[in-house]
Amino acid sequence: MATIKIPEQKVILCGEYGVGKSSIFRRFTNNTFVTATDRKSTLGLDHYSKTYRVCDRDLKLQLWDTGGMERVASITSSYYKFAEAAVLVFALDNPASFHVLSQHLLDIVTYAENAKIFLCGNKADLLSDVPQITDSEIEAFCEQCHNLITGTYKTSCKTGEGIEEMFTDIAYQLVQSNRSRLELQSMEQHGFKITPTEEIPEDSCLC
């Protein structure tokens, strides 16, 4: 019996050091959280794959983490190459990590130009009644990005809040994007001319 190969999509984590990218990676891989005092320093790229069922289709997300090598220029090409999605992470309690997002966004657009971009405000468990990064600031940043941001999320690696929901939605968005692309290609192969004004909206459901 022939084995059906499950499509695999590369997803990368981007953002400043210390915003919780490796903690997100651990929640994704084995649903655990390691405190800063117990965490061992590791260097080197790491990745892990998990399968999601979306619209009666299986999709495998291959999540990549820098392993603390955000500032090493030599990782750029291999890390960004072939990425289908990029999660832009900042810490909700750290304004500095939010205010430098434009630089990381530029890196994504430059080195992974076809990747869908998702914005993640991490460390939601540390927020007081008045968060340091407000919803209006997040909305303003997304507006400045000229529709480059596909989705926004708030997560907590400590409690696990929002992590699985975020990756489930990313898998859904990638399936929708791939299905739209395949339908357009099929139409073109059958003689239909596709113009930019006829593109299928990203938020339309094709399930």
N, C-alpha and C. Protein backbone atom coordinates (compact mmCIF):
# COMPACT_ATOMS: atom_id res chain seq x y z
N MET A 1 0.84 -1.20 0.00
CA MET A 1 0.00 0.00 0.00
C MET A 1 0.88 1.25 0.00
N ALA A 2 0.60 2.17 -0.91
CA ALA A 2 1.41 3.37 -1.02
C ALA A 2 1.21 4.28 0.18
N THR A 3 2.30 4.90 0.62
CA THR A 3 2.24 5.82 1.75
C THR A 3 1.99 7.24 1.24
N ILE A 4 0.99 7.91 1.81
CA ILE A 4 0.68 9.27 1.42
C ILE A 4 1.58 10.23 2.17
N LYS A 5 2.31 11.02 1.42
CA LYS A 5 3.22 11.97 2.04
C LYS A 5 2.46 13.20 2.52
N ILE A 6 2.65 13.54 3.78
CA ILE A 6 1.96 14.71 4.36
C ILE A 6 2.77 15.97 4.05
N PRO A 7 2.13 16.99 3.48
CA PRO A 7 2.83 18.25 3.19
C PRO A 7 3.44 18.84 4.45
N GLU A 8 4.67 19.32 4.34
CA GLU A 8 5.37 19.90 5.47
C GLU A 8 5.69 21.37 5.20
N GLN A 9 5.36 22.23 6.15
CA GLN A 9 5.56 23.66 6.00
C GLN A 9 6.52 24.16 7.07
N LYS A 10 7.55 24.86 6.65
CA LYS A 10 8.55 25.39 7.58
C LYS A 10 8.04 26.67 8.22
N VAL A 11 8.08 26.71 9.55
CA VAL A 11 7.66 27.89 10.33
C VAL A 11 8.84 28.34 11.18
N ILE A 12 9.19 29.61 11.13
CA ILE A 12 10.33 30.11 11.91
C ILE A 12 9.87 31.10 12.98
N LEU A 13 10.61 31.12 14.08
CA LEU A 13 10.37 32.06 15.17
C LEU A 13 11.37 33.20 15.07
N CYS A 14 10.87 34.44 15.09
CA CYS A 14 11.74 35.61 14.96
C CYS A 14 11.44 36.60 16.07
N GLY A 15 12.44 37.39 16.44
CA GLY A 15 12.25 38.39 17.50
C GLY A 15 13.50 38.53 18.33
N GLU A 16 13.47 39.47 19.27
CA GLU A 16 14.62 39.75 20.11
C GLU A 16 14.93 38.60 21.06
N TYR A 17 16.18 38.56 21.52
CA TYR A 17 16.60 37.59 22.52
C TYR A 17 15.82 37.82 23.82
N GLY A 18 15.32 36.74 24.42
CA GLY A 18 14.66 36.83 25.72
C GLY A 18 13.16 37.03 25.68
N VAL A 19 12.55 37.04 24.49
CA VAL A 19 11.09 37.25 24.43
C VAL A 19 10.31 35.94 24.61
N GLY A 20 11.02 34.80 24.61
CA GLY A 20 10.36 33.52 24.86
C GLY A 20 10.22 32.62 23.65
N LYS A 21 11.03 32.83 22.64
CA LYS A 21 10.93 32.00 21.43
C LYS A 21 11.23 30.53 21.72
N SER A 22 12.28 30.28 22.50
CA SER A 22 12.63 28.90 22.83
C SER A 22 11.57 28.27 23.74
N SER A 23 10.94 29.08 24.58
CA SER A 23 9.86 28.57 25.43
C SER A 23 8.64 28.21 24.59
N ILE A 24 8.36 29.01 23.56
CA ILE A 24 7.29 28.67 22.62
C ILE A 24 7.62 27.36 21.92
N PHE A 25 8.88 27.21 21.53
CA PHE A 25 9.33 25.99 20.86
C PHE A 25 9.12 24.76 21.77
N ARG A 26 9.45 24.90 23.06
CA ARG A 26 9.28 23.78 24.00
C ARG A 26 7.80 23.44 24.18
N ARG A 27 6.95 24.45 24.25
CA ARG A 27 5.50 24.19 24.37
C ARG A 27 5.00 23.47 23.13
N PHE A 28 5.51 23.85 21.98
CA PHE A 28 5.11 23.22 20.73
C PHE A 28 5.57 21.76 20.67
N THR A 29 6.80 21.49 21.12
CA THR A 29 7.37 20.15 20.98
C THR A 29 6.84 19.16 22.02
N ASN A 30 6.83 19.56 23.28
CA ASN A 30 6.43 18.59 24.31
C ASN A 30 5.55 19.19 25.41
N ASN A 31 5.01 20.40 25.16
CA ASN A 31 4.07 21.03 26.08
C ASN A 31 4.64 21.18 27.49
N THR A 32 5.89 21.65 27.58
CA THR A 32 6.53 21.87 28.87
C THR A 32 7.01 23.32 28.97
N PHE A 33 7.30 23.73 30.21
CA PHE A 33 7.84 25.06 30.46
C PHE A 33 9.00 24.93 31.43
N VAL A 34 10.11 25.57 31.11
CA VAL A 34 11.29 25.53 31.95
C VAL A 34 11.57 26.94 32.45
N THR A 35 11.71 27.11 33.75
CA THR A 35 11.98 28.44 34.31
C THR A 35 13.39 28.89 33.94
N ALA A 36 13.62 30.18 34.04
CA ALA A 36 14.92 30.75 33.67
C ALA A 36 16.04 30.16 34.52
N THR A 37 15.77 29.89 35.79
CA THR A 37 16.81 29.37 36.68
C THR A 37 17.16 27.92 36.35
N ASP A 38 16.20 27.17 35.82
CA ASP A 38 16.44 25.76 35.51
C ASP A 38 16.89 25.55 34.06
N ARG A 39 16.80 26.59 33.25
CA ARG A 39 17.07 26.44 31.83
C ARG A 39 18.56 26.35 31.57
N LYS A 40 18.94 25.41 30.74
CA LYS A 40 20.33 25.26 30.33
C LYS A 40 20.54 25.99 29.01
N SER A 41 21.65 26.69 28.91
CA SER A 41 21.94 27.44 27.69
C SER A 41 22.28 26.49 26.55
N THR A 42 21.62 26.66 25.42
CA THR A 42 21.89 25.84 24.25
C THR A 42 22.10 26.75 23.05
N LEU A 43 23.00 26.37 22.18
CA LEU A 43 23.27 27.12 20.98
C LEU A 43 23.14 26.21 19.77
N GLY A 44 22.49 26.72 18.75
CA GLY A 44 22.34 25.92 17.53
C GLY A 44 20.89 25.86 17.09
N LEU A 45 20.69 25.78 15.78
CA LEU A 45 19.34 25.69 15.24
C LEU A 45 18.69 24.38 15.64
N ASP A 46 17.41 24.43 15.91
CA ASP A 46 16.66 23.23 16.26
C ASP A 46 15.30 23.30 15.57
N HIS A 47 14.75 22.14 15.24
CA HIS A 47 13.42 22.13 14.63
C HIS A 47 12.66 20.87 15.03
N TYR A 48 11.34 20.97 14.97
CA TYR A 48 10.47 19.86 15.37
C TYR A 48 9.19 19.93 14.54
N SER A 49 8.69 18.78 14.14
CA SER A 49 7.49 18.74 13.29
C SER A 49 6.29 18.17 14.05
N LYS A 50 5.12 18.74 13.78
CA LYS A 50 3.88 18.27 14.37
C LYS A 50 2.78 18.33 13.31
N THR A 51 1.93 17.29 13.27
CA THR A 51 0.89 17.21 12.25
C THR A 51 -0.43 17.78 12.76
N TYR A 52 -1.08 18.58 11.91
CA TYR A 52 -2.38 19.17 12.22
C TYR A 52 -3.39 18.72 11.16
N ARG A 53 -4.63 18.52 11.60
CA ARG A 53 -5.72 18.14 10.70
C ARG A 53 -6.56 19.38 10.42
N VAL A 54 -6.55 19.85 9.18
CA VAL A 54 -7.25 21.07 8.81
C VAL A 54 -8.06 20.83 7.55
N CYS A 55 -9.36 21.12 7.62
CA CYS A 55 -10.23 20.99 6.44
C CYS A 55 -10.08 19.63 5.78
N ASP A 56 -10.10 18.57 6.59
CA ASP A 56 -9.97 17.19 6.11
C ASP A 56 -8.63 16.92 5.44
N ARG A 57 -7.65 17.74 5.74
CA ARG A 57 -6.32 17.52 5.20
C ARG A 57 -5.31 17.52 6.34
N ASP A 58 -4.26 16.72 6.19
CA ASP A 58 -3.17 16.72 7.16
C ASP A 58 -2.07 17.66 6.69
N LEU A 59 -1.57 18.46 7.62
CA LEU A 59 -0.47 19.38 7.34
C LEU A 59 0.54 19.29 8.47
N LYS A 60 1.79 19.18 8.11
CA LYS A 60 2.84 19.07 9.12
C LYS A 60 3.55 20.41 9.25
N LEU A 61 3.52 21.00 10.45
CA LEU A 61 4.26 22.22 10.72
C LEU A 61 5.63 21.85 11.25
N GLN A 62 6.66 22.36 10.60
CA GLN A 62 8.03 22.14 11.06
C GLN A 62 8.53 23.44 11.67
N LEU A 63 8.52 23.53 13.00
CA LEU A 63 8.87 24.76 13.71
C LEU A 63 10.38 24.82 13.94
N TRP A 64 10.97 25.97 13.62
CA TRP A 64 12.40 26.18 13.80
C TRP A 64 12.65 27.24 14.87
N ASP A 65 13.70 27.00 15.68
CA ASP A 65 14.10 27.93 16.72
C ASP A 65 15.60 28.21 16.56
N THR A 66 16.00 29.46 16.84
CA THR A 66 17.41 29.83 16.67
C THR A 66 18.31 29.28 17.77
N GLY A 67 17.73 28.84 18.88
CA GLY A 67 18.55 28.32 19.98
C GLY A 67 19.49 29.37 20.56
N GLY A 68 19.05 30.64 20.58
CA GLY A 68 19.87 31.69 21.16
C GLY A 68 20.87 32.31 20.21
N MET A 69 20.77 31.99 18.92
CA MET A 69 21.74 32.50 17.95
C MET A 69 21.16 33.64 17.11
N GLU A 70 20.23 34.42 17.69
CA GLU A 70 19.59 35.49 16.95
C GLU A 70 20.58 36.48 16.35
N ARG A 71 21.69 36.71 17.06
CA ARG A 71 22.62 37.76 16.64
C ARG A 71 23.78 37.21 15.82
N VAL A 72 23.73 35.95 15.43
CA VAL A 72 24.80 35.36 14.62
C VAL A 72 24.39 35.47 13.16
N ALA A 73 25.09 36.29 12.41
CA ALA A 73 24.70 36.59 11.03
C ALA A 73 24.73 35.36 10.14
N SER A 74 25.58 34.39 10.46
CA SER A 74 25.76 33.23 9.58
C SER A 74 24.54 32.31 9.54
N ILE A 75 23.60 32.47 10.49
CA ILE A 75 22.43 31.58 10.48
C ILE A 75 21.36 32.06 9.52
N THR A 76 21.49 33.29 9.03
CA THR A 76 20.42 33.93 8.27
C THR A 76 19.90 33.09 7.12
N SER A 77 20.79 32.68 6.21
CA SER A 77 20.34 32.00 4.99
C SER A 77 19.67 30.68 5.28
N SER A 78 20.27 29.86 6.13
CA SER A 78 19.70 28.54 6.41
C SER A 78 18.43 28.62 7.24
N TYR A 79 18.34 29.60 8.12
CA TYR A 79 17.19 29.73 9.00
C TYR A 79 15.95 30.21 8.24
N TYR A 80 16.10 31.22 7.42
CA TYR A 80 14.97 31.81 6.70
C TYR A 80 14.59 31.06 5.43
N LYS A 81 15.53 30.31 4.87
CA LYS A 81 15.33 29.67 3.58
C LYS A 81 14.14 28.71 3.60
N PHE A 82 13.28 28.83 2.60
CA PHE A 82 12.11 27.97 2.39
C PHE A 82 11.03 28.11 3.47
N ALA A 83 11.10 29.16 4.30
CA ALA A 83 10.06 29.35 5.33
C ALA A 83 8.73 29.71 4.69
N GLU A 84 7.68 29.00 5.07
CA GLU A 84 6.32 29.29 4.60
C GLU A 84 5.59 30.23 5.56
N ALA A 85 6.07 30.29 6.81
CA ALA A 85 5.45 31.16 7.81
C ALA A 85 6.52 31.63 8.79
N ALA A 86 6.33 32.83 9.31
CA ALA A 86 7.23 33.38 10.31
C ALA A 86 6.41 33.95 11.46
N VAL A 87 6.75 33.55 12.68
CA VAL A 87 6.08 34.07 13.87
C VAL A 87 6.96 35.15 14.47
N LEU A 88 6.49 36.38 14.43
CA LEU A 88 7.23 37.53 14.93
C LEU A 88 6.86 37.72 16.40
N VAL A 89 7.80 37.42 17.30
CA VAL A 89 7.51 37.35 18.74
C VAL A 89 8.06 38.58 19.47
N PHE A 90 7.25 39.13 20.37
CA PHE A 90 7.72 40.15 21.29
C PHE A 90 7.14 39.83 22.67
N ALA A 91 7.71 40.42 23.71
CA ALA A 91 7.22 40.21 25.08
C ALA A 91 6.28 41.34 25.44
N LEU A 92 5.08 40.99 25.87
CA LEU A 92 4.07 42.00 26.19
C LEU A 92 4.50 42.92 27.34
N ASP A 93 5.43 42.45 28.18
CA ASP A 93 5.89 43.27 29.30
C ASP A 93 7.20 43.99 28.99
N ASN A 94 7.64 43.94 27.73
CA ASN A 94 8.93 44.51 27.35
C ASN A 94 8.76 45.43 26.13
N PRO A 95 8.52 46.72 26.33
CA PRO A 95 8.31 47.63 25.21
C PRO A 95 9.45 47.65 24.21
N ALA A 96 10.69 47.47 24.68
CA ALA A 96 11.84 47.50 23.77
C ALA A 96 11.76 46.40 22.73
N SER A 97 11.27 45.22 23.13
CA SER A 97 11.16 44.10 22.20
C SER A 97 10.09 44.34 21.15
N PHE A 98 9.12 45.20 21.49
CA PHE A 98 8.06 45.54 20.56
C PHE A 98 8.50 46.61 19.57
N HIS A 99 9.28 47.56 20.05
CA HIS A 99 9.65 48.71 19.23
C HIS A 99 10.72 48.37 18.19
N VAL A 100 11.33 47.20 18.27
CA VAL A 100 12.32 46.80 17.25
C VAL A 100 11.75 45.77 16.28
N LEU A 101 10.44 45.54 16.34
CA LEU A 101 9.84 44.52 15.48
C LEU A 101 10.01 44.83 13.99
N SER A 102 10.05 46.13 13.66
CA SER A 102 10.17 46.50 12.25
C SER A 102 11.45 45.97 11.63
N GLN A 103 12.53 45.90 12.41
CA GLN A 103 13.79 45.37 11.89
C GLN A 103 13.67 43.88 11.60
N HIS A 104 13.04 43.14 12.51
CA HIS A 104 12.85 41.70 12.30
C HIS A 104 11.89 41.46 11.14
N LEU A 105 10.90 42.33 11.01
CA LEU A 105 9.96 42.22 9.89
C LEU A 105 10.70 42.41 8.57
N LEU A 106 11.62 43.37 8.55
CA LEU A 106 12.41 43.61 7.35
C LEU A 106 13.25 42.39 7.00
N ASP A 107 13.82 41.73 8.00
CA ASP A 107 14.61 40.52 7.76
C ASP A 107 13.75 39.43 7.13
N ILE A 108 12.52 39.29 7.64
CA ILE A 108 11.62 38.26 7.10
C ILE A 108 11.29 38.55 5.64
N VAL A 109 10.92 39.80 5.38
CA VAL A 109 10.55 40.18 4.01
C VAL A 109 11.74 40.02 3.07
N THR A 110 12.95 40.27 3.58
CA THR A 110 14.16 40.19 2.75
C THR A 110 14.58 38.76 2.48
N TYR A 111 14.60 37.93 3.51
CA TYR A 111 15.17 36.58 3.39
C TYR A 111 14.14 35.48 3.24
N ALA A 112 12.87 35.77 3.56
CA ALA A 112 11.80 34.76 3.40
C ALA A 112 10.59 35.48 2.83
N GLU A 113 10.75 36.01 1.62
CA GLU A 113 9.77 36.93 1.05
C GLU A 113 8.40 36.30 0.82
N ASN A 114 8.32 34.97 0.73
CA ASN A 114 7.04 34.31 0.48
C ASN A 114 6.34 33.86 1.76
N ALA A 115 6.97 34.09 2.90
CA ALA A 115 6.41 33.61 4.16
C ALA A 115 5.23 34.46 4.62
N LYS A 116 4.19 33.80 5.13
CA LYS A 116 3.10 34.51 5.80
C LYS A 116 3.60 34.88 7.20
N ILE A 117 3.26 36.09 7.65
CA ILE A 117 3.80 36.60 8.90
C ILE A 117 2.71 36.70 9.96
N PHE A 118 3.04 36.19 11.15
CA PHE A 118 2.10 36.19 12.28
C PHE A 118 2.77 36.90 13.46
N LEU A 119 1.99 37.70 14.18
CA LEU A 119 2.51 38.48 15.30
C LEU A 119 2.08 37.86 16.62
N CYS A 120 3.05 37.62 17.50
CA CYS A 120 2.77 36.95 18.78
C CYS A 120 3.27 37.78 19.94
N GLY A 121 2.34 38.24 20.80
CA GLY A 121 2.70 38.90 22.05
C GLY A 121 2.79 37.85 23.14
N ASN A 122 4.01 37.55 23.59
CA ASN A 122 4.23 36.48 24.56
C ASN A 122 4.33 37.04 25.99
N LYS A 123 4.29 36.15 26.97
CA LYS A 123 4.37 36.46 28.40
C LYS A 123 3.13 37.18 28.89
N ALA A 124 1.97 36.75 28.40
CA ALA A 124 0.71 37.35 28.82
C ALA A 124 0.45 37.17 30.31
N ASP A 125 1.05 36.16 30.92
CA ASP A 125 0.84 35.89 32.35
C ASP A 125 1.49 36.95 33.23
N LEU A 126 2.40 37.75 32.68
CA LEU A 126 3.10 38.75 33.48
C LEU A 126 2.41 40.11 33.48
N LEU A 127 1.32 40.22 32.72
CA LEU A 127 0.67 41.51 32.59
C LEU A 127 -0.14 41.87 33.83
N SER A 128 -0.13 43.15 34.16
CA SER A 128 -1.01 43.68 35.20
C SER A 128 -2.31 44.09 34.55
N ASP A 129 -3.15 44.80 35.27
CA ASP A 129 -4.42 45.24 34.70
C ASP A 129 -4.22 46.17 33.50
N VAL A 130 -3.10 46.88 33.47
CA VAL A 130 -2.78 47.78 32.36
C VAL A 130 -1.50 47.28 31.70
N PRO A 131 -1.58 46.56 30.59
CA PRO A 131 -0.39 46.01 29.93
C PRO A 131 0.51 47.12 29.40
N GLN A 132 1.80 46.86 29.35
CA GLN A 132 2.74 47.86 28.85
C GLN A 132 2.61 48.03 27.34
N ILE A 133 2.27 46.95 26.64
CA ILE A 133 2.01 47.03 25.21
C ILE A 133 0.50 46.90 25.03
N THR A 134 -0.16 47.95 24.60
CA THR A 134 -1.62 47.96 24.50
C THR A 134 -2.10 47.38 23.18
N ASP A 135 -3.37 47.02 23.16
CA ASP A 135 -3.98 46.50 21.93
C ASP A 135 -3.93 47.55 20.82
N SER A 136 -4.11 48.81 21.19
CA SER A 136 -4.09 49.87 20.18
C SER A 136 -2.70 50.00 19.55
N GLU A 137 -1.66 49.81 20.34
CA GLU A 137 -0.29 49.85 19.81
C GLU A 137 -0.06 48.69 18.84
N ILE A 138 -0.57 47.52 19.19
CA ILE A 138 -0.43 46.35 18.32
C ILE A 138 -1.19 46.58 17.02
N GLU A 139 -2.40 47.12 17.11
CA GLU A 139 -3.20 47.39 15.92
C GLU A 139 -2.51 48.43 15.03
N ALA A 140 -1.92 49.45 15.66
CA ALA A 140 -1.24 50.49 14.90
C ALA A 140 -0.04 49.92 14.16
N PHE A 141 0.69 49.01 14.81
CA PHE A 141 1.85 48.38 14.16
C PHE A 141 1.40 47.57 12.94
N CYS A 142 0.32 46.82 13.10
CA CYS A 142 -0.19 46.00 11.99
C CYS A 142 -0.63 46.88 10.83
N GLU A 143 -1.24 48.03 11.13
CA GLU A 143 -1.65 48.95 10.07
C GLU A 143 -0.44 49.52 9.33
N GLN A 144 0.62 49.79 10.08
CA GLN A 144 1.85 50.32 9.47
C GLN A 144 2.52 49.28 8.57
N CYS A 145 2.21 48.01 8.80
CA CYS A 145 2.84 46.93 8.03
C CYS A 145 2.15 46.69 6.70
N HIS A 146 1.11 47.45 6.40
CA HIS A 146 0.43 47.37 5.10
C HIS A 146 -0.04 45.95 4.78
N ASN A 147 -0.79 45.36 5.72
CA ASN A 147 -1.41 44.04 5.52
C ASN A 147 -0.41 42.89 5.41
N LEU A 148 0.80 43.08 5.91
CA LEU A 148 1.78 41.99 5.90
C LEU A 148 1.51 40.98 7.02
N ILE A 149 0.80 41.42 8.07
CA ILE A 149 0.53 40.54 9.21
C ILE A 149 -0.75 39.76 8.97
N THR A 150 -0.64 38.43 8.96
CA THR A 150 -1.80 37.57 8.69
C THR A 150 -2.66 37.36 9.93
N GLY A 151 -2.04 37.29 11.10
CA GLY A 151 -2.79 37.06 12.34
C GLY A 151 -2.00 37.54 13.54
N THR A 152 -2.72 37.89 14.64
CA THR A 152 -2.07 38.33 15.87
C THR A 152 -2.56 37.46 17.04
N TYR A 153 -1.67 37.21 17.99
CA TYR A 153 -1.99 36.30 19.10
C TYR A 153 -1.33 36.80 20.38
N LYS A 154 -1.92 36.42 21.52
CA LYS A 154 -1.31 36.63 22.82
C LYS A 154 -1.13 35.27 23.47
N THR A 155 0.08 35.01 23.97
CA THR A 155 0.39 33.69 24.51
C THR A 155 1.11 33.79 25.85
N SER A 156 1.10 32.68 26.55
CA SER A 156 1.90 32.54 27.77
C SER A 156 2.53 31.15 27.75
N CYS A 157 3.83 31.11 27.67
CA CYS A 157 4.51 29.81 27.70
C CYS A 157 4.44 29.18 29.09
N LYS A 158 4.34 30.02 30.11
CA LYS A 158 4.28 29.50 31.48
C LYS A 158 3.00 28.73 31.72
N THR A 159 1.86 29.27 31.27
CA THR A 159 0.57 28.61 31.47
C THR A 159 0.13 27.78 30.27
N GLY A 160 0.75 28.04 29.13
CA GLY A 160 0.34 27.36 27.89
C GLY A 160 -0.77 28.08 27.15
N GLU A 161 -1.24 29.19 27.72
CA GLU A 161 -2.35 29.94 27.12
C GLU A 161 -2.04 30.38 25.69
N GLY A 162 -2.92 30.04 24.77
CA GLY A 162 -2.85 30.53 23.41
C GLY A 162 -1.86 29.88 22.48
N ILE A 163 -0.99 29.01 23.01
CA ILE A 163 0.05 28.41 22.17
C ILE A 163 -0.54 27.49 21.12
N GLU A 164 -1.32 26.51 21.56
CA GLU A 164 -1.88 25.54 20.61
C GLU A 164 -2.86 26.21 19.66
N GLU A 165 -3.63 27.17 20.19
CA GLU A 165 -4.58 27.89 19.33
C GLU A 165 -3.84 28.65 18.23
N MET A 166 -2.71 29.23 18.57
CA MET A 166 -1.94 29.97 17.59
C MET A 166 -1.45 29.06 16.46
N PHE A 167 -0.86 27.93 16.80
CA PHE A 167 -0.31 27.06 15.77
C PHE A 167 -1.42 26.37 14.97
N THR A 168 -2.55 26.11 15.61
CA THR A 168 -3.69 25.56 14.87
C THR A 168 -4.17 26.54 13.83
N ASP A 169 -4.22 27.82 14.20
CA ASP A 169 -4.66 28.84 13.25
C ASP A 169 -3.62 29.05 12.14
N ILE A 170 -2.34 28.98 12.49
CA ILE A 170 -1.29 29.10 11.47
C ILE A 170 -1.42 27.96 10.45
N ALA A 171 -1.66 26.74 10.95
CA ALA A 171 -1.85 25.60 10.05
C ALA A 171 -3.05 25.84 9.14
N TYR A 172 -4.12 26.36 9.70
CA TYR A 172 -5.32 26.65 8.91
C TYR A 172 -5.03 27.68 7.83
N GLN A 173 -4.34 28.76 8.20
CA GLN A 173 -4.03 29.81 7.24
C GLN A 173 -3.15 29.29 6.11
N LEU A 174 -2.21 28.40 6.43
CA LEU A 174 -1.33 27.85 5.41
C LEU A 174 -2.09 26.92 4.47
N VAL A 175 -3.00 26.12 5.02
CA VAL A 175 -3.82 25.25 4.17
C VAL A 175 -4.68 26.09 3.23
N GLN A 176 -5.29 27.15 3.75
CA GLN A 176 -6.11 28.02 2.93
C GLN A 176 -5.29 28.67 1.83
N SER A 177 -4.10 29.13 2.19
CA SER A 177 -3.23 29.79 1.21
C SER A 177 -2.80 28.82 0.12
N ASN A 178 -2.42 27.61 0.51
CA ASN A 178 -1.99 26.61 -0.47
C ASN A 178 -3.13 26.18 -1.36
N ARG A 179 -4.32 26.04 -0.77
CA ARG A 179 -5.48 25.62 -1.56
C ARG A 179 -5.85 26.70 -2.57
N SER A 180 -5.80 27.96 -2.15
CA SER A 180 -6.09 29.06 -3.06
C SER A 180 -5.09 29.08 -4.21
N ARG A 181 -3.81 28.86 -3.88
CA ARG A 181 -2.76 28.86 -4.88
C ARG A 181 -2.96 27.73 -5.89
N LEU A 182 -3.31 26.55 -5.38
CA LEU A 182 -3.51 25.39 -6.27
C LEU A 182 -4.72 25.60 -7.17
N GLU A 183 -5.80 26.20 -6.64
CA GLU A 183 -6.98 26.45 -7.45
C GLU A 183 -6.68 27.45 -8.57
N LEU A 184 -5.90 28.47 -8.25
CA LEU A 184 -5.52 29.44 -9.28
C LEU A 184 -4.66 28.79 -10.35
N GLN A 185 -3.72 27.93 -9.93
CA GLN A 185 -2.87 27.23 -10.89
C GLN A 185 -3.70 26.32 -11.78
N SER A 186 -4.69 25.64 -11.19
CA SER A 186 -5.55 24.74 -11.95
C SER A 186 -6.35 25.52 -12.99
N MET A 187 -6.87 26.69 -12.59
CA MET A 187 -7.63 27.51 -13.52
C MET A 187 -6.76 27.97 -14.69
N GLU A 188 -5.52 28.34 -14.37
CA GLU A 188 -4.61 28.79 -15.42
C GLU A 188 -4.28 27.65 -16.38
N GLN A 189 -4.12 26.44 -15.83
CA GLN A 189 -3.80 25.28 -16.66
C GLN A 189 -4.96 24.92 -17.58
N HIS A 190 -6.17 25.28 -17.20
CA HIS A 190 -7.35 24.99 -18.02
C HIS A 190 -7.73 26.17 -18.92
N GLY A 191 -6.81 27.12 -19.06
CA GLY A 191 -7.04 28.19 -20.02
C GLY A 191 -7.65 29.45 -19.48
N PHE A 192 -7.90 29.51 -18.16
CA PHE A 192 -8.46 30.73 -17.59
C PHE A 192 -7.33 31.70 -17.28
N LYS A 193 -7.48 32.94 -17.70
CA LYS A 193 -6.49 33.95 -17.43
C LYS A 193 -6.79 34.61 -16.09
N ILE A 194 -5.82 34.58 -15.18
CA ILE A 194 -6.00 35.14 -13.84
C ILE A 194 -5.32 36.49 -13.76
N THR A 195 -6.05 37.51 -13.38
CA THR A 195 -5.49 38.84 -13.19
C THR A 195 -5.47 39.17 -11.71
N PRO A 196 -4.63 40.12 -11.27
CA PRO A 196 -4.56 40.46 -9.83
C PRO A 196 -5.89 40.81 -9.21
N THR A 197 -6.82 41.41 -9.99
CA THR A 197 -8.11 41.82 -9.42
C THR A 197 -9.01 40.63 -9.17
N GLU A 198 -8.64 39.45 -9.68
CA GLU A 198 -9.48 38.27 -9.52
C GLU A 198 -8.96 37.32 -8.44
N GLU A 199 -7.94 37.75 -7.67
CA GLU A 199 -7.37 36.89 -6.65
C GLU A 199 -8.39 36.60 -5.57
N ILE A 200 -8.31 35.40 -5.00
CA ILE A 200 -9.22 34.98 -3.95
C ILE A 200 -8.82 35.62 -2.63
N PRO A 201 -9.72 36.28 -1.92
CA PRO A 201 -9.39 36.90 -0.64
C PRO A 201 -8.86 35.88 0.34
N GLU A 202 -7.86 36.27 1.15
CA GLU A 202 -7.24 35.35 2.10
C GLU A 202 -8.20 34.90 3.19
N ASP A 203 -9.19 35.74 3.51
CA ASP A 203 -10.07 35.40 4.63
C ASP A 203 -11.29 34.60 4.18
N SER A 204 -11.36 34.23 2.89
CA SER A 204 -12.50 33.43 2.44
C SER A 204 -12.27 31.96 2.77
N CYS A 205 -13.32 31.27 3.18
CA CYS A 205 -13.20 29.87 3.56
C CYS A 205 -13.46 28.98 2.35
N LEU A 206 -12.50 28.12 2.08
CA LEU A 206 -12.63 27.23 0.92
C LEU A 206 -12.82 25.78 1.35
N CYS A 207 -13.09 25.57 2.63
CA CYS A 207 -13.24 24.20 3.13
C CYS A 207 -14.53 23.59 2.62
